[in-house]
Amino acid sequence: MAEPATSEGLPIRMLHDRVLVSQDGELGERKSGGGIVIPATASVGKRLVWAQVVALGAHVRQVRLGDRVLFDPEDRAEVELQSKDYVLLRERDLHAVAAQPTENGQTGLYL
C-alpha cells in the first residue's frame, strides 16, 4: 500500500482516493490564442479548469505529486490550509493529466 504524499509542507494527510489541488488561477478573464481578452462574464459552455496536485491519498493510482490535472469546477469542495485555498477531489473526478513537457518545454496543450 502506498503512503499518502504531500508537498508544500502542508499539515494534512489525505485519505483513500482523495486528491488535493491548487488551482492555476481564478476563473476570471482569459485570453484566446490570438490575444483577445475574453471577459469572465462571457457565456461559454461547461468549462474545465487546470490545477496542480499538492497532496494524494494512499489509494490514488493514476496521479502523482506535481501533476497538472483537468477537472470540472462544479464538482469541487474547497478547503483553506495555511491561508491558501485548495480544492479537494476524488481521483475519479479528474478528467485528464497533462503530458510531461518535451525538450522544448511544450506539452502540446492549448486548452
Protein backbone atom coordinates (compact mmCIF):
# COMPACT_ATOMS: atom_id res chain seq x y z
CA MET A 1 0.00 0.00 0.00
CA ALA A 2 1.34 3.43 -0.94
CA GLU A 3 1.85 6.11 1.69
CA PRO A 4 -0.12 9.35 1.41
CA ALA A 5 2.02 12.11 -0.09
CA THR A 6 2.03 15.90 0.30
CA SER A 7 4.07 18.80 -0.97
CA GLU A 8 4.39 22.44 0.05
CA GLY A 9 4.78 21.34 3.72
CA LEU A 10 1.03 21.02 4.23
CA PRO A 11 -0.19 19.87 7.66
CA ILE A 12 -2.57 17.29 6.23
CA ARG A 13 -2.66 13.57 5.45
CA MET A 14 -5.01 12.70 2.63
CA LEU A 15 -7.18 9.59 2.91
CA HIS A 16 -8.33 6.97 0.42
CA ASP A 17 -8.59 8.20 -3.19
CA ARG A 18 -8.59 11.92 -2.39
CA VAL A 19 -6.53 14.45 -4.34
CA LEU A 20 -5.79 17.98 -3.10
CA VAL A 21 -5.05 20.50 -5.85
CA SER A 22 -4.02 24.13 -6.09
CA GLN A 23 -5.78 26.00 -8.89
CA ASP A 24 -3.65 27.73 -11.51
CA GLY A 25 -5.71 30.89 -11.32
CA GLU A 26 -9.11 32.32 -10.65
CA LEU A 27 -12.00 31.88 -13.04
CA GLY A 28 -11.72 35.38 -14.42
CA GLU A 29 -10.70 36.90 -17.71
CA ARG A 30 -8.94 34.66 -20.21
CA LYS A 31 -7.01 35.30 -23.40
CA SER A 32 -7.60 33.48 -26.65
CA GLY A 33 -4.69 32.08 -28.64
CA GLY A 34 -4.77 35.27 -30.75
CA GLY A 35 -4.52 37.50 -27.67
CA ILE A 36 -8.17 38.56 -27.49
CA VAL A 37 -9.34 39.12 -23.90
CA ILE A 38 -12.43 37.06 -23.05
CA PRO A 39 -14.27 38.55 -20.04
CA ALA A 40 -15.36 36.33 -17.17
CA THR A 41 -18.99 37.23 -17.93
CA ALA A 42 -18.81 35.79 -21.47
CA SER A 43 -21.26 32.95 -21.94
CA VAL A 44 -19.46 29.68 -22.67
CA GLY A 45 -20.38 26.05 -22.27
CA LYS A 46 -19.18 23.92 -19.41
CA ARG A 47 -15.52 24.79 -18.96
CA LEU A 48 -12.98 22.56 -17.20
CA VAL A 49 -10.04 24.05 -15.28
CA TRP A 50 -6.40 23.08 -14.66
CA ALA A 51 -4.80 22.67 -11.24
CA GLN A 52 -1.60 21.26 -9.74
CA VAL A 53 -1.65 18.24 -7.43
CA VAL A 54 -0.24 19.07 -3.97
CA ALA A 55 -1.36 16.06 -1.88
CA LEU A 56 -2.54 12.49 -2.51
CA GLY A 57 -4.32 9.77 -0.57
CA ALA A 58 -2.82 6.28 -0.29
CA HIS A 59 -5.22 4.75 -2.84
CA VAL A 60 -4.59 7.22 -5.68
CA ARG A 61 -3.11 5.27 -8.61
CA GLN A 62 -3.02 7.41 -11.75
CA VAL A 63 -1.81 10.79 -10.47
CA ARG A 64 1.49 11.93 -8.92
CA LEU A 65 2.50 14.96 -6.85
CA GLY A 66 3.12 17.95 -9.09
CA ASP A 67 0.95 16.66 -11.96
CA ARG A 68 -1.25 19.17 -13.74
CA VAL A 69 -4.82 17.86 -13.84
CA LEU A 70 -8.08 18.86 -15.51
CA PHE A 71 -11.36 18.85 -13.57
CA ASP A 72 -14.88 20.28 -13.54
CA PRO A 73 -15.00 23.28 -11.16
CA GLU A 74 -18.63 22.45 -10.28
CA ASP A 75 -17.58 19.09 -8.73
CA ARG A 76 -15.29 20.53 -6.10
CA ALA A 77 -15.02 21.06 -2.37
CA GLU A 78 -12.82 23.96 -1.27
CA VAL A 79 -10.61 23.97 1.82
CA GLU A 80 -8.28 26.60 3.29
CA LEU A 81 -4.91 25.50 4.69
CA GLN A 82 -2.28 27.94 5.93
CA SER A 83 -4.25 30.89 4.47
CA LYS A 84 -4.31 29.39 0.97
CA ASP A 85 -7.31 27.91 -0.85
CA TYR A 86 -7.18 24.37 -2.23
CA VAL A 87 -9.68 22.09 -3.96
CA LEU A 88 -10.41 18.59 -2.68
CA LEU A 89 -11.41 15.97 -5.28
CA ARG A 90 -11.72 12.23 -5.69
CA GLU A 91 -9.35 10.71 -8.23
CA ARG A 92 -12.33 9.65 -10.36
CA ASP A 93 -13.40 13.33 -10.66
CA LEU A 94 -10.27 14.13 -12.68
CA HIS A 95 -10.71 14.22 -16.44
CA ALA A 96 -7.08 14.29 -17.60
CA VAL A 97 -3.44 14.62 -16.58
CA ALA A 98 -1.21 16.92 -18.65
CA ALA A 99 1.58 15.25 -20.61
CA GLN A 100 5.13 15.80 -19.42
CA PRO A 101 6.91 18.69 -21.19
CA THR A 102 9.18 17.77 -24.10
CA GLU A 103 12.71 19.06 -24.76
CA ASN A 104 11.43 22.46 -25.87
CA GLY A 105 9.23 22.76 -22.76
CA GLN A 106 5.96 22.32 -24.66
CA THR A 107 3.26 19.82 -23.73
CA GLY A 108 1.05 20.42 -26.74
CA LEU A 109 -1.69 21.79 -24.50
CA TYR A 110 -3.58 24.77 -25.78
CA LEU A 111 -6.76 24.39 -23.75
